[in-house]
Amino acid sequence: MALNELIQREQDERVRALTHTPTFLVVAGSLPGLFVATSLTNGFAIGVVSAVSIVAMAILARPLRAITGRFTYIPVTLMVSAAIAVLLGFAVRVIDPVVNEALGIYVPLAAVNALAMAFVASDGFAASPAPKSSVVTALLAAVCTVATLSFVGLVNGMFTTGEIFGLTMGELAASPIAIFGKPAGSLLVLALVAVFVQSIEHAVAISRADAEGGER
């Protein structure tokens, strides 16, 4: 029994070490909008929608838990998250109907991200580099989501239509790469972003360890 508890504790620590990192925030925040990030404009738009949803629900998580009961917290939180996503959908439709048409069902799908953030924020979830504040962690996740989805959209647009910041490169437009602009291509770009972020984390950890070793 004691051995099982030790194994369980070790597994919990490994999961905690994985999820309390910027890399996890980048991946988790970007996944719901990944499919529709086919251009820089679409990627930025769905990134902003996801980011606003994440921050809004992180802020509302504690107040909602305070005013709801044990059995009403989940349905009330789901309703609030869906309402925020719907309002954001109206905002996108007013600002740019063409982009709203391109995003389609993925605007309300941002409610999934927001709902997850509400649950983790209400439990006090906080990740590096803000290990003491769930709201700052949500802000970090929001920024990472916008940047990642915009980059994914930029790469997809560049290799499918040859368009970069409104300019069209004839060579890229004439020979598009089939994998980009599809879920597989978006996942590939997201994986590269995750590896880049993780390499920065690793470099920071090594630098911190060297600094601590020098002080001793």
N, C-alpha and C. Protein backbone atom coordinates (compact mmCIF):
# COMPACT_ATOMS: atom_id res chain seq x y z
N MET A 1 0.83 -1.20 0.00
CA MET A 1 0.00 0.00 0.00
C MET A 1 0.87 1.25 0.00
N ALA A 2 1.91 1.23 0.83
CA ALA A 2 2.82 2.37 0.90
C ALA A 2 3.53 2.57 -0.43
N LEU A 3 3.89 1.44 -1.08
CA LEU A 3 4.57 1.54 -2.38
C LEU A 3 3.65 2.16 -3.42
N ASN A 4 2.38 1.75 -3.42
CA ASN A 4 1.41 2.33 -4.36
C ASN A 4 1.24 3.83 -4.13
N GLU A 5 1.23 4.23 -2.86
CA GLU A 5 1.10 5.65 -2.56
C GLU A 5 2.32 6.44 -3.04
N LEU A 6 3.50 5.85 -2.90
CA LEU A 6 4.72 6.51 -3.38
C LEU A 6 4.70 6.65 -4.89
N ILE A 7 4.26 5.60 -5.58
CA ILE A 7 4.17 5.65 -7.05
C ILE A 7 3.17 6.70 -7.49
N GLN A 8 2.01 6.72 -6.80
CA GLN A 8 0.98 7.71 -7.12
C GLN A 8 1.47 9.13 -6.89
N ARG A 9 2.20 9.33 -5.78
CA ARG A 9 2.73 10.65 -5.46
C ARG A 9 3.75 11.09 -6.51
N GLU A 10 4.58 10.15 -6.94
CA GLU A 10 5.59 10.45 -7.95
C GLU A 10 4.93 10.81 -9.29
N GLN A 11 3.87 10.06 -9.65
CA GLN A 11 3.15 10.37 -10.88
C GLN A 11 2.48 11.73 -10.82
N ASP A 12 1.91 12.06 -9.65
CA ASP A 12 1.28 13.37 -9.48
C ASP A 12 2.29 14.50 -9.63
N GLU A 13 3.49 14.29 -9.09
CA GLU A 13 4.53 15.30 -9.20
C GLU A 13 4.98 15.48 -10.64
N ARG A 14 5.04 14.38 -11.39
CA ARG A 14 5.43 14.48 -12.80
C ARG A 14 4.37 15.23 -13.61
N VAL A 15 3.11 14.92 -13.35
CA VAL A 15 2.03 15.62 -14.04
C VAL A 15 2.04 17.11 -13.68
N ARG A 16 2.26 17.41 -12.40
CA ARG A 16 2.32 18.80 -11.97
C ARG A 16 3.48 19.53 -12.64
N ALA A 17 4.63 18.87 -12.72
CA ALA A 17 5.79 19.48 -13.36
C ALA A 17 5.52 19.75 -14.85
N LEU A 18 4.72 18.88 -15.48
CA LEU A 18 4.39 19.06 -16.89
C LEU A 18 3.39 20.19 -17.11
N THR A 19 2.35 20.23 -16.29
CA THR A 19 1.26 21.18 -16.53
C THR A 19 1.56 22.59 -16.03
N HIS A 20 2.46 22.74 -15.09
CA HIS A 20 2.75 24.06 -14.53
C HIS A 20 3.93 24.71 -15.27
N THR A 21 3.86 24.71 -16.60
CA THR A 21 4.93 25.27 -17.43
C THR A 21 4.34 26.12 -18.54
N PRO A 22 5.11 27.09 -19.07
CA PRO A 22 4.64 27.87 -20.22
C PRO A 22 4.34 27.01 -21.44
N THR A 23 5.08 25.92 -21.63
CA THR A 23 4.85 25.04 -22.78
C THR A 23 3.44 24.47 -22.75
N PHE A 24 3.00 24.04 -21.57
CA PHE A 24 1.65 23.51 -21.44
C PHE A 24 0.61 24.58 -21.71
N LEU A 25 0.85 25.79 -21.24
CA LEU A 25 -0.08 26.89 -21.48
C LEU A 25 -0.20 27.20 -22.96
N VAL A 26 0.92 27.16 -23.67
CA VAL A 26 0.92 27.41 -25.11
C VAL A 26 0.07 26.38 -25.84
N VAL A 27 0.31 25.10 -25.52
CA VAL A 27 -0.40 24.03 -26.22
C VAL A 27 -1.88 24.00 -25.86
N ALA A 28 -2.17 24.04 -24.56
CA ALA A 28 -3.57 23.94 -24.12
C ALA A 28 -4.40 25.13 -24.59
N GLY A 29 -3.82 26.32 -24.57
CA GLY A 29 -4.56 27.50 -24.98
C GLY A 29 -4.82 27.56 -26.47
N SER A 30 -3.95 26.95 -27.27
CA SER A 30 -4.04 27.08 -28.73
C SER A 30 -4.87 25.98 -29.39
N LEU A 31 -5.02 24.84 -28.76
CA LEU A 31 -5.64 23.69 -29.42
C LEU A 31 -7.06 23.95 -29.94
N PRO A 32 -7.99 24.54 -29.16
CA PRO A 32 -9.35 24.70 -29.67
C PRO A 32 -9.46 25.53 -30.95
N GLY A 33 -8.57 26.50 -31.14
CA GLY A 33 -8.65 27.35 -32.34
C GLY A 33 -7.66 26.98 -33.42
N LEU A 34 -6.99 25.86 -33.26
CA LEU A 34 -5.89 25.51 -34.16
C LEU A 34 -6.38 25.25 -35.58
N PHE A 35 -7.51 24.58 -35.74
CA PHE A 35 -7.98 24.17 -37.06
C PHE A 35 -8.30 25.37 -37.95
N VAL A 36 -8.81 26.44 -37.34
CA VAL A 36 -9.27 27.57 -38.13
C VAL A 36 -8.20 28.64 -38.33
N ALA A 37 -7.01 28.45 -37.76
CA ALA A 37 -5.92 29.42 -37.92
C ALA A 37 -5.22 29.18 -39.25
N THR A 38 -5.91 29.50 -40.33
CA THR A 38 -5.40 29.24 -41.68
C THR A 38 -4.75 30.46 -42.31
N SER A 39 -4.85 31.60 -41.67
CA SER A 39 -4.20 32.82 -42.13
C SER A 39 -3.86 33.67 -40.91
N LEU A 40 -3.04 34.68 -41.11
CA LEU A 40 -2.66 35.54 -40.00
C LEU A 40 -3.88 36.23 -39.39
N THR A 41 -4.79 36.68 -40.26
CA THR A 41 -6.00 37.37 -39.76
C THR A 41 -6.87 36.42 -38.96
N ASN A 42 -7.12 35.24 -39.50
CA ASN A 42 -7.96 34.27 -38.79
C ASN A 42 -7.29 33.79 -37.50
N GLY A 43 -5.98 33.56 -37.56
CA GLY A 43 -5.27 33.11 -36.37
C GLY A 43 -5.29 34.15 -35.27
N PHE A 44 -5.09 35.41 -35.65
CA PHE A 44 -5.12 36.49 -34.66
C PHE A 44 -6.53 36.64 -34.08
N ALA A 45 -7.54 36.54 -34.94
CA ALA A 45 -8.92 36.72 -34.47
C ALA A 45 -9.33 35.63 -33.49
N ILE A 46 -9.07 34.37 -33.83
CA ILE A 46 -9.46 33.29 -32.93
C ILE A 46 -8.58 33.30 -31.69
N GLY A 47 -7.34 33.79 -31.82
CA GLY A 47 -6.47 33.93 -30.65
C GLY A 47 -6.99 34.96 -29.68
N VAL A 48 -7.46 36.09 -30.19
CA VAL A 48 -8.00 37.14 -29.33
C VAL A 48 -9.28 36.65 -28.64
N VAL A 49 -10.15 35.97 -29.40
CA VAL A 49 -11.38 35.43 -28.82
C VAL A 49 -11.05 34.46 -27.69
N SER A 50 -10.12 33.56 -27.93
CA SER A 50 -9.73 32.59 -26.90
C SER A 50 -9.10 33.29 -25.71
N ALA A 51 -8.25 34.29 -25.98
CA ALA A 51 -7.56 35.00 -24.90
C ALA A 51 -8.53 35.75 -24.00
N VAL A 52 -9.48 36.46 -24.60
CA VAL A 52 -10.46 37.20 -23.81
C VAL A 52 -11.30 36.24 -22.98
N SER A 53 -11.68 35.11 -23.57
CA SER A 53 -12.47 34.11 -22.84
C SER A 53 -11.69 33.57 -21.65
N ILE A 54 -10.42 33.27 -21.87
CA ILE A 54 -9.58 32.72 -20.81
C ILE A 54 -9.45 33.70 -19.64
N VAL A 55 -9.13 34.96 -19.95
CA VAL A 55 -8.93 35.95 -18.90
C VAL A 55 -10.24 36.23 -18.17
N ALA A 56 -11.33 36.35 -18.92
CA ALA A 56 -12.63 36.65 -18.31
C ALA A 56 -13.04 35.57 -17.32
N MET A 57 -12.89 34.31 -17.71
CA MET A 57 -13.31 33.23 -16.83
C MET A 57 -12.34 33.03 -15.67
N ALA A 58 -11.06 33.35 -15.87
CA ALA A 58 -10.11 33.29 -14.75
C ALA A 58 -10.46 34.31 -13.68
N ILE A 59 -10.92 35.49 -14.12
CA ILE A 59 -11.31 36.54 -13.18
C ILE A 59 -12.62 36.18 -12.47
N LEU A 60 -13.55 35.56 -13.21
CA LEU A 60 -14.86 35.25 -12.65
C LEU A 60 -14.91 33.95 -11.87
N ALA A 61 -13.85 33.14 -11.94
CA ALA A 61 -13.88 31.80 -11.34
C ALA A 61 -14.17 31.83 -9.84
N ARG A 62 -13.41 32.63 -9.11
CA ARG A 62 -13.60 32.70 -7.65
C ARG A 62 -14.95 33.30 -7.28
N PRO A 63 -15.37 34.44 -7.86
CA PRO A 63 -16.70 34.98 -7.53
C PRO A 63 -17.84 34.00 -7.82
N LEU A 64 -17.73 33.27 -8.95
CA LEU A 64 -18.79 32.30 -9.27
C LEU A 64 -18.84 31.19 -8.24
N ARG A 65 -17.68 30.73 -7.80
CA ARG A 65 -17.67 29.68 -6.78
C ARG A 65 -18.24 30.20 -5.46
N ALA A 66 -18.04 31.48 -5.19
CA ALA A 66 -18.52 32.05 -3.93
C ALA A 66 -20.04 32.19 -3.90
N ILE A 67 -20.66 32.46 -5.05
CA ILE A 67 -22.11 32.72 -5.06
C ILE A 67 -22.93 31.52 -5.51
N THR A 68 -22.28 30.43 -5.91
CA THR A 68 -23.01 29.24 -6.33
C THR A 68 -22.78 28.11 -5.34
N GLY A 69 -23.67 27.16 -5.36
CA GLY A 69 -23.53 26.01 -4.49
C GLY A 69 -22.68 24.92 -5.12
N ARG A 70 -22.52 23.84 -4.39
CA ARG A 70 -21.68 22.74 -4.86
C ARG A 70 -22.20 22.13 -6.15
N PHE A 71 -23.52 22.02 -6.29
CA PHE A 71 -24.11 21.35 -7.45
C PHE A 71 -24.46 22.32 -8.58
N THR A 72 -24.44 23.60 -8.32
CA THR A 72 -24.78 24.57 -9.36
C THR A 72 -23.56 25.24 -9.98
N TYR A 73 -22.38 25.01 -9.41
CA TYR A 73 -21.19 25.70 -9.91
C TYR A 73 -20.90 25.35 -11.36
N ILE A 74 -20.94 24.06 -11.69
CA ILE A 74 -20.60 23.64 -13.05
C ILE A 74 -21.59 24.19 -14.08
N PRO A 75 -22.92 24.00 -13.92
CA PRO A 75 -23.84 24.55 -14.93
C PRO A 75 -23.81 26.08 -15.03
N VAL A 76 -23.66 26.76 -13.90
CA VAL A 76 -23.60 28.22 -13.95
C VAL A 76 -22.33 28.68 -14.66
N THR A 77 -21.20 28.04 -14.35
CA THR A 77 -19.94 28.39 -15.00
C THR A 77 -20.00 28.11 -16.49
N LEU A 78 -20.59 26.98 -16.87
CA LEU A 78 -20.75 26.66 -18.29
C LEU A 78 -21.61 27.71 -18.99
N MET A 79 -22.70 28.14 -18.34
CA MET A 79 -23.58 29.15 -18.93
C MET A 79 -22.85 30.47 -19.11
N VAL A 80 -22.09 30.89 -18.10
CA VAL A 80 -21.35 32.16 -18.19
C VAL A 80 -20.29 32.08 -19.28
N SER A 81 -19.58 30.95 -19.34
CA SER A 81 -18.55 30.77 -20.36
C SER A 81 -19.15 30.81 -21.76
N ALA A 82 -20.29 30.14 -21.95
CA ALA A 82 -20.95 30.16 -23.26
C ALA A 82 -21.44 31.56 -23.61
N ALA A 83 -21.95 32.28 -22.61
CA ALA A 83 -22.43 33.64 -22.86
C ALA A 83 -21.30 34.56 -23.31
N ILE A 84 -20.12 34.42 -22.67
CA ILE A 84 -18.96 35.22 -23.07
C ILE A 84 -18.56 34.90 -24.50
N ALA A 85 -18.55 33.60 -24.84
CA ALA A 85 -18.18 33.21 -26.20
C ALA A 85 -19.18 33.74 -27.23
N VAL A 86 -20.46 33.72 -26.90
CA VAL A 86 -21.48 34.24 -27.82
C VAL A 86 -21.31 35.75 -28.02
N LEU A 87 -21.07 36.48 -26.93
CA LEU A 87 -20.85 37.93 -27.04
C LEU A 87 -19.62 38.25 -27.88
N LEU A 88 -18.57 37.46 -27.70
CA LEU A 88 -17.37 37.65 -28.52
C LEU A 88 -17.66 37.35 -29.98
N GLY A 89 -18.50 36.34 -30.23
CA GLY A 89 -18.89 36.04 -31.60
C GLY A 89 -19.63 37.20 -32.24
N PHE A 90 -20.54 37.85 -31.49
CA PHE A 90 -21.23 39.04 -31.99
C PHE A 90 -20.23 40.16 -32.29
N ALA A 91 -19.25 40.32 -31.41
CA ALA A 91 -18.25 41.37 -31.60
C ALA A 91 -17.46 41.13 -32.88
N VAL A 92 -17.04 39.89 -33.11
CA VAL A 92 -16.29 39.56 -34.33
C VAL A 92 -17.16 39.80 -35.56
N ARG A 93 -18.44 39.44 -35.46
CA ARG A 93 -19.35 39.64 -36.60
C ARG A 93 -19.49 41.11 -36.94
N VAL A 94 -19.54 41.97 -35.92
CA VAL A 94 -19.66 43.41 -36.16
C VAL A 94 -18.37 43.99 -36.73
N ILE A 95 -17.25 43.57 -36.17
CA ILE A 95 -15.96 44.11 -36.61
C ILE A 95 -15.60 43.66 -38.01
N ASP A 96 -15.74 42.36 -38.29
CA ASP A 96 -15.38 41.82 -39.61
C ASP A 96 -16.23 40.61 -39.93
N PRO A 97 -17.33 40.79 -40.66
CA PRO A 97 -18.21 39.66 -40.97
C PRO A 97 -17.53 38.56 -41.76
N VAL A 98 -16.56 38.92 -42.60
CA VAL A 98 -15.85 37.91 -43.40
C VAL A 98 -15.05 36.99 -42.50
N VAL A 99 -14.33 37.56 -41.55
CA VAL A 99 -13.56 36.75 -40.60
C VAL A 99 -14.50 35.91 -39.74
N ASN A 100 -15.61 36.49 -39.32
CA ASN A 100 -16.58 35.74 -38.53
C ASN A 100 -17.09 34.52 -39.30
N GLU A 101 -17.33 34.70 -40.60
CA GLU A 101 -17.78 33.58 -41.43
C GLU A 101 -16.69 32.51 -41.53
N ALA A 102 -15.43 32.95 -41.62
CA ALA A 102 -14.32 32.00 -41.73
C ALA A 102 -14.11 31.23 -40.43
N LEU A 103 -14.30 31.89 -39.29
CA LEU A 103 -14.09 31.23 -38.00
C LEU A 103 -15.21 30.24 -37.69
N GLY A 104 -16.44 30.58 -38.06
CA GLY A 104 -17.55 29.66 -37.91
C GLY A 104 -17.77 29.20 -36.48
N ILE A 105 -17.90 27.89 -36.31
CA ILE A 105 -18.22 27.29 -35.01
C ILE A 105 -17.09 27.41 -34.02
N TYR A 106 -15.89 27.77 -34.48
CA TYR A 106 -14.74 27.80 -33.58
C TYR A 106 -14.74 29.00 -32.65
N VAL A 107 -15.57 30.00 -32.92
CA VAL A 107 -15.70 31.12 -31.97
C VAL A 107 -16.38 30.64 -30.69
N PRO A 108 -17.57 30.00 -30.76
CA PRO A 108 -18.16 29.48 -29.52
C PRO A 108 -17.33 28.37 -28.90
N LEU A 109 -16.49 27.69 -29.70
CA LEU A 109 -15.66 26.63 -29.14
C LEU A 109 -14.63 27.17 -28.15
N ALA A 110 -14.36 28.48 -28.23
CA ALA A 110 -13.45 29.09 -27.26
C ALA A 110 -13.99 28.98 -25.85
N ALA A 111 -15.30 28.73 -25.72
CA ALA A 111 -15.89 28.54 -24.39
C ALA A 111 -15.30 27.34 -23.68
N VAL A 112 -14.82 26.36 -24.46
CA VAL A 112 -14.19 25.17 -23.86
C VAL A 112 -12.93 25.58 -23.11
N ASN A 113 -12.10 26.39 -23.77
CA ASN A 113 -10.90 26.91 -23.12
C ASN A 113 -11.23 27.70 -21.87
N ALA A 114 -12.22 28.57 -22.00
CA ALA A 114 -12.59 29.43 -20.89
C ALA A 114 -13.12 28.62 -19.72
N LEU A 115 -13.91 27.59 -20.00
CA LEU A 115 -14.46 26.76 -18.94
C LEU A 115 -13.35 26.03 -18.20
N ALA A 116 -12.39 25.50 -18.96
CA ALA A 116 -11.26 24.82 -18.32
C ALA A 116 -10.47 25.78 -17.45
N MET A 117 -10.26 27.00 -17.93
CA MET A 117 -9.53 28.00 -17.15
C MET A 117 -10.29 28.36 -15.88
N ALA A 118 -11.62 28.39 -15.94
CA ALA A 118 -12.41 28.70 -14.75
C ALA A 118 -12.19 27.64 -13.67
N PHE A 119 -12.16 26.37 -14.08
CA PHE A 119 -11.96 25.29 -13.11
C PHE A 119 -10.57 25.35 -12.48
N VAL A 120 -9.55 25.53 -13.31
CA VAL A 120 -8.18 25.51 -12.77
C VAL A 120 -7.91 26.78 -11.96
N ALA A 121 -8.49 27.91 -12.37
CA ALA A 121 -8.28 29.15 -11.61
C ALA A 121 -8.98 29.09 -10.26
N SER A 122 -10.16 28.47 -10.21
CA SER A 122 -10.88 28.38 -8.94
C SER A 122 -10.15 27.49 -7.95
N ASP A 123 -9.31 26.58 -8.46
CA ASP A 123 -8.51 25.72 -7.58
C ASP A 123 -7.14 26.32 -7.27
N GLY A 124 -6.91 27.54 -7.75
CA GLY A 124 -5.64 28.20 -7.46
C GLY A 124 -4.50 27.78 -8.35
N PHE A 125 -4.80 27.26 -9.55
CA PHE A 125 -3.74 26.83 -10.47
C PHE A 125 -2.88 28.02 -10.88
N ALA A 126 -1.58 27.85 -10.78
CA ALA A 126 -0.65 28.89 -11.21
C ALA A 126 0.60 28.21 -11.76
N ALA A 127 1.05 28.69 -12.89
CA ALA A 127 2.19 28.07 -13.55
C ALA A 127 3.35 29.05 -13.67
N SER A 128 4.53 28.51 -13.90
CA SER A 128 5.71 29.32 -14.14
C SER A 128 5.49 30.16 -15.41
N PRO A 129 5.95 31.40 -15.45
CA PRO A 129 6.78 32.14 -14.49
C PRO A 129 5.97 32.96 -13.48
N ALA A 130 4.71 32.62 -13.27
CA ALA A 130 3.89 33.30 -12.25
C ALA A 130 3.31 32.27 -11.30
N PRO A 131 4.17 31.60 -10.51
CA PRO A 131 3.72 30.47 -9.71
C PRO A 131 2.81 30.80 -8.53
N LYS A 132 2.55 32.09 -8.30
CA LYS A 132 1.75 32.46 -7.12
C LYS A 132 0.43 33.13 -7.46
N SER A 133 0.14 33.31 -8.74
CA SER A 133 -1.08 34.02 -9.13
C SER A 133 -1.76 33.31 -10.29
N SER A 134 -2.99 32.85 -10.07
CA SER A 134 -3.73 32.19 -11.14
C SER A 134 -4.19 33.19 -12.20
N VAL A 135 -4.48 34.43 -11.82
CA VAL A 135 -4.91 35.44 -12.79
C VAL A 135 -3.74 35.82 -13.71
N VAL A 136 -2.55 36.01 -13.14
CA VAL A 136 -1.38 36.32 -13.97
C VAL A 136 -1.06 35.14 -14.87
N THR A 137 -1.24 33.92 -14.37
CA THR A 137 -1.06 32.74 -15.20
C THR A 137 -2.04 32.75 -16.37
N ALA A 138 -3.28 33.15 -16.11
CA ALA A 138 -4.28 33.24 -17.18
C ALA A 138 -3.89 34.30 -18.20
N LEU A 139 -3.36 35.42 -17.72
CA LEU A 139 -2.89 36.46 -18.64
C LEU A 139 -1.75 35.94 -19.51
N LEU A 140 -0.84 35.19 -18.91
CA LEU A 140 0.26 34.59 -19.66
C LEU A 140 -0.29 33.61 -20.71
N ALA A 141 -1.26 32.79 -20.30
CA ALA A 141 -1.87 31.84 -21.24
C ALA A 141 -2.55 32.58 -22.38
N ALA A 142 -3.20 33.70 -22.07
CA ALA A 142 -3.89 34.49 -23.11
C ALA A 142 -2.90 35.06 -24.12
N VAL A 143 -1.80 35.63 -23.62
CA VAL A 143 -0.79 36.20 -24.51
C VAL A 143 -0.17 35.09 -25.38
N CYS A 144 0.14 33.96 -24.75
CA CYS A 144 0.72 32.83 -25.49
C CYS A 144 -0.24 32.33 -26.57
N THR A 145 -1.54 32.31 -26.25
CA THR A 145 -2.54 31.83 -27.20
C THR A 145 -2.62 32.74 -28.42
N VAL A 146 -2.68 34.06 -28.19
CA VAL A 146 -2.74 35.00 -29.31
C VAL A 146 -1.50 34.88 -30.18
N ALA A 147 -0.32 34.87 -29.55
CA ALA A 147 0.94 34.82 -30.29
C ALA A 147 1.06 33.51 -31.08
N THR A 148 0.70 32.39 -30.43
CA THR A 148 0.85 31.09 -31.09
C THR A 148 -0.10 30.94 -32.26
N LEU A 149 -1.39 31.26 -32.06
CA LEU A 149 -2.36 31.10 -33.14
C LEU A 149 -2.09 32.08 -34.28
N SER A 150 -1.59 33.27 -33.97
CA SER A 150 -1.21 34.21 -35.02
C SER A 150 -0.04 33.66 -35.83
N PHE A 151 0.93 33.07 -35.15
CA PHE A 151 2.08 32.50 -35.85
C PHE A 151 1.68 31.30 -36.70
N VAL A 152 0.81 30.45 -36.14
CA VAL A 152 0.32 29.30 -36.90
C VAL A 152 -0.41 29.78 -38.15
N GLY A 153 -1.27 30.81 -38.00
CA GLY A 153 -1.98 31.35 -39.15
C GLY A 153 -1.04 31.95 -40.17
N LEU A 154 0.00 32.64 -39.70
CA LEU A 154 0.99 33.23 -40.61
C LEU A 154 1.69 32.16 -41.44
N VAL A 155 2.14 31.10 -40.78
CA VAL A 155 2.84 30.02 -41.49
C VAL A 155 1.90 29.31 -42.45
N ASN A 156 0.67 29.02 -42.01
CA ASN A 156 -0.29 28.36 -42.90
C ASN A 156 -0.59 29.21 -44.13
N GLY A 157 -0.83 30.51 -43.91
CA GLY A 157 -1.10 31.39 -45.04
C GLY A 157 0.08 31.52 -45.97
N MET A 158 1.29 31.56 -45.40
CA MET A 158 2.49 31.73 -46.20
C MET A 158 2.71 30.54 -47.13
N PHE A 159 2.48 29.32 -46.63
CA PHE A 159 2.78 28.14 -47.43
C PHE A 159 1.59 27.64 -48.27
N THR A 160 0.41 28.24 -48.09
CA THR A 160 -0.73 27.84 -48.91
C THR A 160 -1.10 28.88 -49.96
N THR A 161 -1.04 30.16 -49.60
CA THR A 161 -1.40 31.21 -50.56
C THR A 161 -0.22 32.11 -50.91
N GLY A 162 0.88 31.97 -50.19
CA GLY A 162 2.04 32.81 -50.45
C GLY A 162 1.92 34.21 -49.88
N GLU A 163 0.89 34.43 -49.02
CA GLU A 163 0.65 35.77 -48.48
C GLU A 163 1.38 35.97 -47.16
N ILE A 164 2.13 37.07 -47.07
CA ILE A 164 2.86 37.42 -45.85
C ILE A 164 2.61 38.90 -45.56
N PHE A 165 1.87 39.18 -44.47
CA PHE A 165 1.56 40.55 -44.08
C PHE A 165 0.96 41.35 -45.23
N GLY A 166 0.02 40.73 -45.94
CA GLY A 166 -0.68 41.41 -47.02
C GLY A 166 0.02 41.38 -48.36
N LEU A 167 1.25 40.92 -48.38
CA LEU A 167 2.00 40.80 -49.63
C LEU A 167 2.01 39.35 -50.10
N THR A 168 1.97 39.16 -51.41
CA THR A 168 1.93 37.81 -51.97
C THR A 168 3.25 37.50 -52.65
N MET A 169 3.87 36.39 -52.22
CA MET A 169 5.11 35.93 -52.83
C MET A 169 4.76 34.91 -53.91
N GLY A 170 5.08 35.26 -55.15
CA GLY A 170 4.70 34.42 -56.28
C GLY A 170 5.23 33.00 -56.21
N GLU A 171 6.48 32.85 -55.73
CA GLU A 171 7.08 31.51 -55.67
C GLU A 171 6.31 30.60 -54.73
N LEU A 172 5.92 31.13 -53.55
CA LEU A 172 5.17 30.32 -52.59
C LEU A 172 3.75 30.07 -53.08
N ALA A 173 3.13 31.06 -53.70
CA ALA A 173 1.77 30.91 -54.19
C ALA A 173 1.70 29.89 -55.32
N ALA A 174 2.76 29.81 -56.13
CA ALA A 174 2.76 28.90 -57.28
C ALA A 174 2.97 27.44 -56.87
N SER A 175 3.60 27.24 -55.71
CA SER A 175 3.87 25.85 -55.28
C SER A 175 3.50 25.68 -53.81
N PRO A 176 2.20 25.69 -53.49
CA PRO A 176 1.78 25.54 -52.09
C PRO A 176 2.13 24.16 -51.55
N ILE A 177 2.37 24.09 -50.24
CA ILE A 177 2.67 22.82 -49.58
C ILE A 177 1.38 22.29 -48.99
N ALA A 178 0.99 21.10 -49.41
CA ALA A 178 -0.36 20.58 -49.13
C ALA A 178 -0.66 20.44 -47.64
N ILE A 179 0.34 20.12 -46.82
CA ILE A 179 0.07 19.83 -45.42
C ILE A 179 -0.36 21.07 -44.65
N PHE A 180 0.08 22.24 -45.09
CA PHE A 180 -0.26 23.46 -44.37
C PHE A 180 -1.65 23.93 -44.76
N GLY A 181 -2.31 24.60 -43.81
CA GLY A 181 -3.70 24.97 -44.01
C GLY A 181 -4.65 23.88 -43.61
N LYS A 182 -4.11 22.76 -43.12
CA LYS A 182 -4.90 21.63 -42.64
C LYS A 182 -4.52 21.34 -41.19
N PRO A 183 -5.33 20.54 -40.49
CA PRO A 183 -5.00 20.25 -39.07
C PRO A 183 -3.60 19.70 -38.86
N ALA A 184 -3.15 18.83 -39.77
CA ALA A 184 -1.82 18.24 -39.61
C ALA A 184 -0.73 19.31 -39.66
N GLY A 185 -0.86 20.24 -40.60
CA GLY A 185 0.13 21.31 -40.69
C GLY A 185 0.10 22.23 -39.48
N SER A 186 -1.10 22.54 -39.00
CA SER A 186 -1.23 23.39 -37.83
C SER A 186 -0.62 22.72 -36.60
N LEU A 187 -0.85 21.43 -36.45
CA LEU A 187 -0.26 20.70 -35.33
C LEU A 187 1.26 20.67 -35.43
N LEU A 188 1.78 20.57 -36.65
CA LEU A 188 3.23 20.58 -36.84
C LEU A 188 3.82 21.91 -36.40
N VAL A 189 3.18 23.01 -36.79
CA VAL A 189 3.67 24.33 -36.38
C VAL A 189 3.56 24.50 -34.87
N LEU A 190 2.45 24.04 -34.29
CA LEU A 190 2.28 24.13 -32.84
C LEU A 190 3.37 23.33 -32.12
N ALA A 191 3.70 22.17 -32.66
CA ALA A 191 4.77 21.36 -32.05
C ALA A 191 6.10 22.09 -32.09
N LEU A 192 6.38 22.77 -33.20
CA LEU A 192 7.63 23.53 -33.30
C LEU A 192 7.65 24.69 -32.30
N VAL A 193 6.50 25.35 -32.14
CA VAL A 193 6.41 26.44 -31.15
C VAL A 193 6.63 25.90 -29.74
N ALA A 194 6.02 24.74 -29.45
CA ALA A 194 6.17 24.13 -28.12
C ALA A 194 7.63 23.76 -27.85
N VAL A 195 8.30 23.22 -28.86
CA VAL A 195 9.72 22.87 -28.70
C VAL A 195 10.55 24.12 -28.45
N PHE A 196 10.24 25.21 -29.16
CA PHE A 196 10.96 26.47 -28.98
C PHE A 196 10.78 27.00 -27.56
N VAL A 197 9.52 27.01 -27.08
CA VAL A 197 9.24 27.50 -25.72
C VAL A 197 9.93 26.62 -24.69
N GLN A 198 9.89 25.31 -24.92
CA GLN A 198 10.51 24.39 -23.96
C GLN A 198 12.03 24.56 -23.94
N SER A 199 12.62 24.86 -25.09
CA SER A 199 14.07 25.10 -25.11
C SER A 199 14.43 26.34 -24.31
N ILE A 200 13.56 27.38 -24.37
CA ILE A 200 13.79 28.58 -23.56
C ILE A 200 13.67 28.24 -22.08
N GLU A 201 12.65 27.46 -21.73
CA GLU A 201 12.50 27.02 -20.33
C GLU A 201 13.76 26.30 -19.86
N HIS A 202 14.26 25.40 -20.70
CA HIS A 202 15.45 24.62 -20.33
C HIS A 202 16.66 25.52 -20.14
N ALA A 203 16.82 26.49 -21.05
CA ALA A 203 17.96 27.41 -20.95
C ALA A 203 17.86 28.25 -19.68
N VAL A 204 16.65 28.70 -19.35
CA VAL A 204 16.45 29.49 -18.12
C VAL A 204 16.75 28.64 -16.89
N ALA A 205 16.31 27.38 -16.91
CA ALA A 205 16.57 26.49 -15.77
C ALA A 205 18.07 26.25 -15.58
N ILE A 206 18.79 26.06 -16.68
CA ILE A 206 20.24 25.85 -16.59
C ILE A 206 20.92 27.10 -16.07
N SER A 207 20.50 28.27 -16.58
CA SER A 207 21.09 29.53 -16.13
C SER A 207 20.83 29.76 -14.64
N ARG A 208 19.62 29.42 -14.19
CA ARG A 208 19.28 29.59 -12.78
C ARG A 208 20.10 28.64 -11.91
N ALA A 209 20.27 27.40 -12.39
CA ALA A 209 21.06 26.42 -11.63
C ALA A 209 22.53 26.85 -11.54
N ASP A 210 23.06 27.39 -12.64
CA ASP A 210 24.44 27.86 -12.63
C ASP A 210 24.61 29.04 -11.68
N ALA A 211 23.61 29.93 -11.66
CA ALA A 211 23.69 31.10 -10.77
C ALA A 211 23.64 30.67 -9.31
N GLU A 212 22.76 29.71 -8.99
CA GLU A 212 22.69 29.21 -7.63
C GLU A 212 23.97 28.49 -7.24
N GLY A 213 24.55 27.75 -8.19
CA GLY A 213 25.81 27.05 -7.90
C GLY A 213 26.95 28.02 -7.66
N GLY A 214 26.96 29.16 -8.42
CA GLY A 214 28.00 30.15 -8.24
C GLY A 214 27.91 30.86 -6.91
N GLU A 215 26.67 31.07 -6.42
CA GLU A 215 26.48 31.73 -5.14
C GLU A 215 26.99 30.86 -3.99
N ARG A 216 26.83 29.54 -4.17
CA ARG A 216 27.30 28.63 -3.11
C ARG A 216 28.82 28.55 -3.09
